[in-house]
Amino acid sequence: MGIRDIIEGKKQWRAHMARVRALPPDYQIVYKEMQKYLFKVGPIDLVDGSLLSGILDFFEEGVAAGRGVLELVGDDVAAFCDDLIKDSHTYADIYQESVSGKPGTTEK
């Protein structure tokens, strides 16, 4: 990854976060909590994929339709996130494999 890639990545991230700041406050809170949750247990390809952009698009459509954020995601935001990543290999899966001693994992 060259310096240009890093600079372009930062530009894209800043533009993404500017879109988040344009959301109503309740949407921002839920988005940031989802982001924290997904960065902690989310899919390995979270940064490379379009999951966060897709969530942001979904939220922007909800705002345009005049719906509340909890109408879109429900009361259990973590369960909503889990449904989004249910078929993805996650960091939590890697950790579970390492502590269970499954074949193909390195043991310490």
C-alpha atoms as a PDB file:
ATOM      1  CA  MET A   1       0.000   0.000   0.000  1.00  0.00           C
ATOM      2  CA  GLY A   2       1.532   3.230  -1.150  1.00  0.00           C
ATOM      3  CA  ILE A   3       1.204   6.716   0.226  1.00  0.00           C
ATOM      4  CA  ARG A   4      -1.375   7.592  -2.433  1.00  0.00           C
ATOM      5  CA  ASP A   5      -3.542   4.681  -1.345  1.00  0.00           C
ATOM      6  CA  ILE A   6      -3.353   5.848   2.256  1.00  0.00           C
ATOM      7  CA  ILE A   7      -4.252   9.416   1.320  1.00  0.00           C
ATOM      8  CA  GLU A   8      -7.143   8.263  -0.864  1.00  0.00           C
ATOM      9  CA  GLY A   9      -8.384   5.978   1.919  1.00  0.00           C
ATOM     10  CA  LYS A  10      -8.352   8.866   4.386  1.00  0.00           C
ATOM     11  CA  LYS A  11     -10.255  11.076   1.938  1.00  0.00           C
ATOM     12  CA  GLN A  12     -12.894   8.397   1.482  1.00  0.00           C
ATOM     13  CA  TRP A  13     -13.177   7.837   5.242  1.00  0.00           C
ATOM     14  CA  ARG A  14     -13.535  11.569   5.921  1.00  0.00           C
ATOM     15  CA  ALA A  15     -16.253  11.846   3.257  1.00  0.00           C
ATOM     16  CA  HIS A  16     -18.004   8.851   4.817  1.00  0.00           C
ATOM     17  CA  MET A  17     -17.878  10.381   8.288  1.00  0.00           C
ATOM     18  CA  ALA A  18     -19.169  13.715   6.908  1.00  0.00           C
ATOM     19  CA  ARG A  19     -22.221  11.815   5.679  1.00  0.00           C
ATOM     20  CA  VAL A  20     -22.636  10.315   9.165  1.00  0.00           C
ATOM     21  CA  ARG A  21     -22.481  13.788  10.758  1.00  0.00           C
ATOM     22  CA  ALA A  22     -25.244  14.927   8.373  1.00  0.00           C
ATOM     23  CA  LEU A  23     -27.635  12.360   9.882  1.00  0.00           C
ATOM     24  CA  PRO A  24     -30.032  13.308  12.706  1.00  0.00           C
ATOM     25  CA  PRO A  25     -28.567  12.814  16.210  1.00  0.00           C
ATOM     26  CA  ASP A  26     -30.423   9.571  16.974  1.00  0.00           C
ATOM     27  CA  TYR A  27     -29.214   8.022  13.717  1.00  0.00           C
ATOM     28  CA  GLN A  28     -25.649   9.129  14.483  1.00  0.00           C
ATOM     29  CA  ILE A  29     -25.729   7.484  17.896  1.00  0.00           C
ATOM     30  CA  VAL A  30     -26.999   4.178  16.525  1.00  0.00           C
ATOM     31  CA  TYR A  31     -24.572   4.269  13.589  1.00  0.00           C
ATOM     32  CA  LYS A  32     -21.578   4.882  15.858  1.00  0.00           C
ATOM     33  CA  GLU A  33     -22.637   2.061  18.190  1.00  0.00           C
ATOM     34  CA  MET A  34     -23.041  -0.265  15.211  1.00  0.00           C
ATOM     35  CA  GLN A  35     -19.652   0.806  13.916  1.00  0.00           C
ATOM     36  CA  LYS A  36     -18.009   0.094  17.287  1.00  0.00           C
ATOM     37  CA  TYR A  37     -19.697  -3.294  17.489  1.00  0.00           C
ATOM     38  CA  LEU A  38     -18.731  -4.253  13.944  1.00  0.00           C
ATOM     39  CA  PHE A  39     -15.124  -3.154  14.411  1.00  0.00           C
ATOM     40  CA  LYS A  40     -14.955  -5.319  17.520  1.00  0.00           C
ATOM     41  CA  VAL A  41     -16.574  -8.534  16.245  1.00  0.00           C
ATOM     42  CA  GLY A  42     -17.313  -7.799  12.620  1.00  0.00           C
ATOM     43  CA  PRO A  43     -16.183  -9.430   9.442  1.00  0.00           C
ATOM     44  CA  ILE A  44     -12.533  -9.529   8.522  1.00  0.00           C
ATOM     45  CA  ASP A  45     -13.203  -7.664   5.275  1.00  0.00           C
ATOM     46  CA  LEU A  46     -15.167  -4.856   6.986  1.00  0.00           C
ATOM     47  CA  VAL A  47     -12.811  -2.091   5.912  1.00  0.00           C
ATOM     48  CA  ASP A  48     -12.490  -3.372   2.339  1.00  0.00           C
ATOM     49  CA  GLY A  49     -16.179  -4.168   1.948  1.00  0.00           C
ATOM     50  CA  SER A  50     -19.204  -1.992   1.549  1.00  0.00           C
ATOM     51  CA  LEU A  51     -21.008  -2.904   4.772  1.00  0.00           C
ATOM     52  CA  LEU A  52     -20.613   0.463   6.518  1.00  0.00           C
ATOM     53  CA  SER A  53     -21.488   2.380   3.348  1.00  0.00           C
ATOM     54  CA  GLY A  54     -24.539   0.179   2.896  1.00  0.00           C
ATOM     55  CA  ILE A  55     -25.684   0.876   6.452  1.00  0.00           C
ATOM     56  CA  LEU A  56     -25.206   4.591   5.867  1.00  0.00           C
ATOM     57  CA  ASP A  57     -27.208   4.433   2.612  1.00  0.00           C
ATOM     58  CA  PHE A  58     -29.954   2.544   4.473  1.00  0.00           C
ATOM     59  CA  PHE A  59     -30.013   5.192   7.207  1.00  0.00           C
ATOM     60  CA  GLU A  60     -30.133   8.046   4.693  1.00  0.00           C
ATOM     61  CA  GLU A  61     -33.125   6.399   3.017  1.00  0.00           C
ATOM     62  CA  GLY A  62     -34.802   6.057   6.429  1.00  0.00           C
ATOM     63  CA  VAL A  63     -34.254   9.737   7.154  1.00  0.00           C
ATOM     64  CA  ALA A  64     -35.688  10.671   3.743  1.00  0.00           C
ATOM     65  CA  ALA A  65     -38.744   8.506   4.446  1.00  0.00           C
ATOM     66  CA  GLY A  66     -39.220  10.167   7.842  1.00  0.00           C
ATOM     67  CA  ARG A  67     -38.771   6.954   9.833  1.00  0.00           C
ATOM     68  CA  GLY A  68     -37.081   6.653  13.198  1.00  0.00           C
ATOM     69  CA  VAL A  69     -33.828   4.757  13.421  1.00  0.00           C
ATOM     70  CA  LEU A  70     -35.265   2.105  15.749  1.00  0.00           C
ATOM     71  CA  GLU A  71     -38.082   1.507  13.251  1.00  0.00           C
ATOM     72  CA  LEU A  72     -35.376   0.491  10.798  1.00  0.00           C
ATOM     73  CA  VAL A  73     -33.102  -1.626  12.978  1.00  0.00           C
ATOM     74  CA  GLY A  74     -35.371  -2.656  15.842  1.00  0.00           C
ATOM     75  CA  ASP A  75     -34.721  -2.474  19.569  1.00  0.00           C
ATOM     76  CA  ASP A  76     -31.762  -4.869  19.564  1.00  0.00           C
ATOM     77  CA  VAL A  77     -29.085  -3.160  17.491  1.00  0.00           C
ATOM     78  CA  ALA A  78     -26.509  -5.901  18.156  1.00  0.00           C
ATOM     79  CA  ALA A  79     -28.903  -8.548  16.806  1.00  0.00           C
ATOM     80  CA  PHE A  80     -29.410  -6.406  13.703  1.00  0.00           C
ATOM     81  CA  CYS A  81     -25.620  -6.262  13.226  1.00  0.00           C
ATOM     82  CA  ASP A  82     -25.314 -10.001  13.798  1.00  0.00           C
ATOM     83  CA  ASP A  83     -27.885 -10.625  11.059  1.00  0.00           C
ATOM     84  CA  LEU A  84     -25.877  -8.433   8.689  1.00  0.00           C
ATOM     85  CA  ILE A  85     -22.682 -10.425   9.221  1.00  0.00           C
ATOM     86  CA  LYS A  86     -24.107 -13.902   9.833  1.00  0.00           C
ATOM     87  CA  ASP A  87     -22.457 -15.434   6.748  1.00  0.00           C
ATOM     88  CA  SER A  88     -19.117 -13.628   7.101  1.00  0.00           C
ATOM     89  CA  HIS A  89     -15.960 -14.908   8.740  1.00  0.00           C
ATOM     90  CA  THR A  90     -15.442 -12.645  11.769  1.00  0.00           C
ATOM     91  CA  TYR A  91     -12.688 -11.810  14.216  1.00  0.00           C
ATOM     92  CA  ALA A  92     -14.815 -13.494  16.878  1.00  0.00           C
ATOM     93  CA  ASP A  93     -14.744 -16.706  14.795  1.00  0.00           C
ATOM     94  CA  ILE A  94     -10.952 -16.537  14.561  1.00  0.00           C
ATOM     95  CA  TYR A  95     -10.719 -16.109  18.335  1.00  0.00           C
ATOM     96  CA  GLN A  96     -13.097 -19.017  18.964  1.00  0.00           C
ATOM     97  CA  GLU A  97     -11.061 -21.231  16.644  1.00  0.00           C
ATOM     98  CA  SER A  98      -7.827 -20.285  18.404  1.00  0.00           C
ATOM     99  CA  VAL A  99      -9.099 -21.074  21.898  1.00  0.00           C
ATOM    100  CA  SER A 100     -10.866 -24.265  20.871  1.00  0.00           C
ATOM    101  CA  GLY A 101      -7.736 -25.690  19.246  1.00  0.00           C
ATOM    102  CA  LYS A 102      -9.375 -26.535  15.927  1.00  0.00           C
ATOM    103  CA  PRO A 103      -7.060 -27.837  13.204  1.00  0.00           C
ATOM    104  CA  GLY A 104      -5.431 -25.159  11.127  1.00  0.00           C
ATOM    105  CA  THR A 105      -4.946 -22.772  14.036  1.00  0.00           C
ATOM    106  CA  THR A 106      -1.666 -22.069  15.708  1.00  0.00           C
ATOM    107  CA  GLU A 107      -1.276 -23.093  19.286  1.00  0.00           C
ATOM    108  CA  LYS A 108       0.865 -21.195  21.773  1.00  0.00           C
END
